[in-house]
Amino acid sequence: MSRIVQCVVIGRAAEGLAYAPYPGELGKRIYNQVSKIGWQRWVEHQTTLINEFRLTPIEPKDRAFLVKEMEKFLFGAGAEKPAGFVDPAAGTPGT
């Protein structure tokens, strides 16, 4: 049977993660409060950030930025898409 959590991202009960996806206390908090759906939304947003800002996750400065954004996205007021970002799935404006 899968584990159910009250997800802070989607605002309802959903299937929880199988393991903590990040080390330490933050990882425990994510494991206890974020569902698989919520985590997947973060992964998609993180990919956008990496691509739009041309981040290198192995670089300490870029990794620190991503951790800060992850905390905002998962537990804060949310995170915004980078300025000027156009979702490719939505098509280009005016088409």
N, C-alpha and C. Protein backbone atom coordinates (compact mmCIF):
# COMPACT_ATOMS: atom_id res chain seq x y z
N MET A 1 0.84 -1.19 0.00
CA MET A 1 0.00 0.00 0.00
C MET A 1 0.88 1.24 0.00
N SER A 2 0.50 2.23 -0.75
CA SER A 2 1.31 3.45 -0.85
C SER A 2 1.04 4.37 0.33
N ARG A 3 1.99 5.21 0.58
CA ARG A 3 1.92 6.17 1.67
C ARG A 3 1.18 7.42 1.18
N ILE A 4 0.27 7.95 1.99
CA ILE A 4 -0.49 9.14 1.63
C ILE A 4 -0.01 10.31 2.49
N VAL A 5 0.20 11.45 1.85
CA VAL A 5 0.59 12.67 2.57
C VAL A 5 -0.38 13.79 2.21
N GLN A 6 -0.49 14.75 3.10
CA GLN A 6 -1.24 15.97 2.79
C GLN A 6 -0.24 16.89 2.10
N CYS A 7 -0.33 16.98 0.79
CA CYS A 7 0.67 17.68 -0.01
C CYS A 7 0.51 19.19 0.07
N VAL A 8 1.60 19.88 0.41
CA VAL A 8 1.58 21.34 0.50
C VAL A 8 1.58 22.00 -0.87
N VAL A 9 1.97 21.26 -1.89
CA VAL A 9 2.03 21.83 -3.24
C VAL A 9 0.66 21.81 -3.90
N ILE A 10 0.00 20.68 -3.87
CA ILE A 10 -1.29 20.56 -4.56
C ILE A 10 -2.48 20.79 -3.63
N GLY A 11 -2.22 20.87 -2.33
CA GLY A 11 -3.27 21.22 -1.38
C GLY A 11 -4.28 20.12 -1.08
N ARG A 12 -3.89 18.88 -1.28
CA ARG A 12 -4.79 17.77 -0.96
C ARG A 12 -3.96 16.52 -0.67
N ALA A 13 -4.64 15.50 -0.16
CA ALA A 13 -3.97 14.23 0.12
C ALA A 13 -3.65 13.53 -1.19
N ALA A 14 -2.45 12.96 -1.27
CA ALA A 14 -2.02 12.25 -2.47
C ALA A 14 -0.90 11.28 -2.09
N GLU A 15 -0.55 10.42 -3.03
CA GLU A 15 0.50 9.43 -2.79
C GLU A 15 1.84 10.13 -2.52
N GLY A 16 2.49 9.69 -1.44
CA GLY A 16 3.76 10.28 -1.04
C GLY A 16 4.93 9.69 -1.80
N LEU A 17 6.07 10.30 -1.62
CA LEU A 17 7.31 9.84 -2.24
C LEU A 17 7.78 8.55 -1.58
N ALA A 18 8.52 7.74 -2.31
CA ALA A 18 9.03 6.48 -1.79
C ALA A 18 10.24 6.69 -0.88
N TYR A 19 10.94 7.79 -1.06
CA TYR A 19 12.13 8.09 -0.27
C TYR A 19 12.34 9.61 -0.26
N ALA A 20 13.17 10.07 0.67
CA ALA A 20 13.48 11.50 0.73
C ALA A 20 14.35 11.86 -0.47
N PRO A 21 13.92 12.79 -1.30
CA PRO A 21 14.66 13.11 -2.52
C PRO A 21 15.83 14.08 -2.32
N TYR A 22 16.01 14.52 -1.10
CA TYR A 22 17.06 15.49 -0.79
C TYR A 22 17.60 15.15 0.59
N PRO A 23 18.87 15.38 0.87
CA PRO A 23 19.42 15.01 2.18
C PRO A 23 19.00 15.95 3.31
N GLY A 24 19.19 15.50 4.53
CA GLY A 24 19.02 16.34 5.71
C GLY A 24 17.58 16.62 6.07
N GLU A 25 17.44 17.67 6.90
CA GLU A 25 16.12 18.07 7.40
C GLU A 25 15.18 18.48 6.27
N LEU A 26 15.71 19.17 5.27
CA LEU A 26 14.87 19.58 4.15
C LEU A 26 14.31 18.35 3.44
N GLY A 27 15.13 17.34 3.25
CA GLY A 27 14.68 16.10 2.63
C GLY A 27 13.59 15.41 3.43
N LYS A 28 13.73 15.41 4.75
CA LYS A 28 12.70 14.82 5.62
C LYS A 28 11.39 15.59 5.49
N ARG A 29 11.51 16.90 5.45
CA ARG A 29 10.31 17.75 5.32
C ARG A 29 9.61 17.49 3.98
N ILE A 30 10.39 17.38 2.92
CA ILE A 30 9.82 17.09 1.60
C ILE A 30 9.14 15.72 1.63
N TYR A 31 9.81 14.72 2.18
CA TYR A 31 9.26 13.37 2.26
C TYR A 31 7.92 13.35 3.00
N ASN A 32 7.81 14.12 4.06
CA ASN A 32 6.61 14.13 4.88
C ASN A 32 5.49 15.01 4.36
N GLN A 33 5.79 16.01 3.52
CA GLN A 33 4.78 17.00 3.16
C GLN A 33 4.55 17.18 1.66
N VAL A 34 5.30 16.48 0.82
CA VAL A 34 5.16 16.67 -0.63
C VAL A 34 4.82 15.33 -1.28
N SER A 35 3.83 15.34 -2.14
CA SER A 35 3.41 14.13 -2.85
C SER A 35 4.26 13.91 -4.10
N LYS A 36 4.05 12.76 -4.72
CA LYS A 36 4.74 12.49 -5.99
C LYS A 36 4.36 13.53 -7.04
N ILE A 37 3.09 13.91 -7.04
CA ILE A 37 2.63 14.93 -8.00
C ILE A 37 3.32 16.27 -7.73
N GLY A 38 3.35 16.67 -6.47
CA GLY A 38 4.00 17.93 -6.10
C GLY A 38 5.47 17.93 -6.44
N TRP A 39 6.14 16.80 -6.18
CA TRP A 39 7.58 16.71 -6.49
C TRP A 39 7.80 16.78 -7.99
N GLN A 40 6.96 16.12 -8.76
CA GLN A 40 7.10 16.17 -10.22
C GLN A 40 6.93 17.60 -10.73
N ARG A 41 6.02 18.35 -10.14
CA ARG A 41 5.85 19.76 -10.54
C ARG A 41 7.12 20.55 -10.26
N TRP A 42 7.77 20.27 -9.11
CA TRP A 42 9.03 20.95 -8.82
C TRP A 42 10.10 20.56 -9.83
N VAL A 43 10.21 19.28 -10.15
CA VAL A 43 11.23 18.82 -11.11
C VAL A 43 11.05 19.53 -12.45
N GLU A 44 9.82 19.67 -12.89
CA GLU A 44 9.55 20.38 -14.15
C GLU A 44 9.94 21.84 -14.04
N HIS A 45 9.62 22.48 -12.92
CA HIS A 45 9.98 23.88 -12.72
C HIS A 45 11.51 24.04 -12.63
N GLN A 46 12.15 23.11 -11.93
CA GLN A 46 13.61 23.15 -11.81
C GLN A 46 14.27 23.04 -13.18
N THR A 47 13.74 22.17 -14.04
CA THR A 47 14.28 22.02 -15.39
C THR A 47 14.17 23.33 -16.16
N THR A 48 13.04 24.01 -16.00
CA THR A 48 12.86 25.32 -16.64
C THR A 48 13.92 26.30 -16.14
N LEU A 49 14.13 26.34 -14.82
CA LEU A 49 15.12 27.25 -14.25
C LEU A 49 16.52 26.95 -14.78
N ILE A 50 16.88 25.67 -14.80
CA ILE A 50 18.21 25.27 -15.28
C ILE A 50 18.40 25.70 -16.73
N ASN A 51 17.39 25.46 -17.55
CA ASN A 51 17.50 25.81 -18.97
C ASN A 51 17.49 27.31 -19.21
N GLU A 52 16.55 28.01 -18.61
CA GLU A 52 16.41 29.44 -18.87
C GLU A 52 17.58 30.26 -18.31
N PHE A 53 18.08 29.87 -17.15
CA PHE A 53 19.19 30.60 -16.53
C PHE A 53 20.55 29.98 -16.84
N ARG A 54 20.54 28.90 -17.64
CA ARG A 54 21.76 28.20 -18.02
C ARG A 54 22.60 27.82 -16.78
N LEU A 55 21.92 27.20 -15.83
CA LEU A 55 22.56 26.82 -14.58
C LEU A 55 23.32 25.51 -14.75
N THR A 56 24.35 25.35 -13.93
CA THR A 56 25.12 24.12 -13.85
C THR A 56 24.97 23.62 -12.43
N PRO A 57 24.13 22.61 -12.20
CA PRO A 57 23.84 22.17 -10.84
C PRO A 57 25.05 21.72 -10.03
N ILE A 58 26.15 21.42 -10.67
CA ILE A 58 27.35 21.03 -9.93
C ILE A 58 28.06 22.25 -9.32
N GLU A 59 27.76 23.44 -9.83
CA GLU A 59 28.36 24.67 -9.30
C GLU A 59 27.67 25.05 -7.99
N PRO A 60 28.43 25.31 -6.93
CA PRO A 60 27.83 25.63 -5.63
C PRO A 60 26.86 26.81 -5.67
N LYS A 61 27.19 27.85 -6.42
CA LYS A 61 26.32 29.02 -6.51
C LYS A 61 24.98 28.66 -7.16
N ASP A 62 25.03 27.91 -8.23
CA ASP A 62 23.82 27.50 -8.94
C ASP A 62 23.00 26.53 -8.09
N ARG A 63 23.67 25.60 -7.40
CA ARG A 63 22.99 24.65 -6.54
C ARG A 63 22.28 25.38 -5.39
N ALA A 64 22.95 26.37 -4.80
CA ALA A 64 22.35 27.15 -3.72
C ALA A 64 21.10 27.88 -4.22
N PHE A 65 21.17 28.43 -5.43
CA PHE A 65 20.01 29.09 -6.03
C PHE A 65 18.85 28.11 -6.19
N LEU A 66 19.14 26.90 -6.69
CA LEU A 66 18.09 25.91 -6.89
C LEU A 66 17.47 25.46 -5.58
N VAL A 67 18.27 25.32 -4.53
CA VAL A 67 17.72 24.93 -3.23
C VAL A 67 16.79 26.02 -2.70
N LYS A 68 17.21 27.27 -2.84
CA LYS A 68 16.37 28.39 -2.41
C LYS A 68 15.05 28.40 -3.18
N GLU A 69 15.13 28.21 -4.48
CA GLU A 69 13.92 28.18 -5.32
C GLU A 69 13.05 26.97 -4.98
N MET A 70 13.67 25.84 -4.66
CA MET A 70 12.92 24.64 -4.29
C MET A 70 12.11 24.89 -3.02
N GLU A 71 12.74 25.51 -2.03
CA GLU A 71 12.03 25.82 -0.79
C GLU A 71 10.88 26.78 -1.04
N LYS A 72 11.10 27.79 -1.88
CA LYS A 72 10.01 28.72 -2.22
C LYS A 72 8.88 28.00 -2.94
N PHE A 73 9.24 27.15 -3.91
CA PHE A 73 8.24 26.45 -4.70
C PHE A 73 7.43 25.50 -3.85
N LEU A 74 8.10 24.72 -3.01
CA LEU A 74 7.41 23.69 -2.23
C LEU A 74 6.72 24.22 -0.99
N PHE A 75 7.36 25.15 -0.27
CA PHE A 75 6.85 25.54 1.04
C PHE A 75 6.54 27.02 1.18
N GLY A 76 6.90 27.81 0.20
CA GLY A 76 6.65 29.24 0.27
C GLY A 76 5.42 29.62 -0.51
N ALA A 77 5.45 30.83 -1.00
CA ALA A 77 4.32 31.36 -1.76
C ALA A 77 4.35 30.89 -3.21
N GLY A 78 5.26 29.97 -3.52
CA GLY A 78 5.38 29.51 -4.89
C GLY A 78 6.54 30.21 -5.56
N ALA A 79 6.81 29.81 -6.75
CA ALA A 79 7.90 30.41 -7.51
C ALA A 79 7.38 30.77 -8.89
N GLU A 80 7.95 31.81 -9.43
CA GLU A 80 7.51 32.28 -10.75
C GLU A 80 8.42 31.74 -11.83
N LYS A 81 7.88 31.67 -13.03
CA LYS A 81 8.70 31.32 -14.19
C LYS A 81 9.66 32.48 -14.47
N PRO A 82 10.80 32.20 -15.07
CA PRO A 82 11.73 33.27 -15.41
C PRO A 82 11.06 34.32 -16.32
N ALA A 83 11.49 35.55 -16.19
CA ALA A 83 10.93 36.65 -17.00
C ALA A 83 11.07 36.32 -18.48
N GLY A 84 9.99 36.50 -19.21
CA GLY A 84 10.00 36.27 -20.65
C GLY A 84 9.83 34.81 -21.05
N PHE A 85 9.65 33.92 -20.08
CA PHE A 85 9.50 32.50 -20.40
C PHE A 85 8.18 32.25 -21.12
N VAL A 86 8.26 31.49 -22.22
CA VAL A 86 7.07 31.07 -22.96
C VAL A 86 7.05 29.56 -22.94
N ASP A 87 6.00 28.99 -22.39
CA ASP A 87 5.87 27.54 -22.30
C ASP A 87 5.74 26.97 -23.70
N PRO A 88 6.67 26.10 -24.14
CA PRO A 88 6.60 25.55 -25.49
C PRO A 88 5.31 24.77 -25.74
N ALA A 89 4.75 24.16 -24.71
CA ALA A 89 3.51 23.41 -24.87
C ALA A 89 2.33 24.32 -25.18
N ALA A 90 2.43 25.57 -24.74
CA ALA A 90 1.34 26.52 -24.98
C ALA A 90 1.45 27.18 -26.35
N GLY A 91 2.56 26.99 -27.03
CA GLY A 91 2.76 27.62 -28.33
C GLY A 91 3.28 29.04 -28.18
N THR A 92 3.61 29.65 -29.26
CA THR A 92 4.12 31.00 -29.22
C THR A 92 2.96 31.98 -29.25
N PRO A 93 3.14 33.12 -28.62
CA PRO A 93 2.06 34.11 -28.63
C PRO A 93 1.70 34.51 -30.07
N GLY A 94 0.44 34.62 -30.31
CA GLY A 94 -0.02 35.08 -31.62
C GLY A 94 -0.19 33.99 -32.64
N THR A 95 0.02 32.72 -32.27
CA THR A 95 -0.15 31.65 -33.27
C THR A 95 -1.41 30.88 -33.01
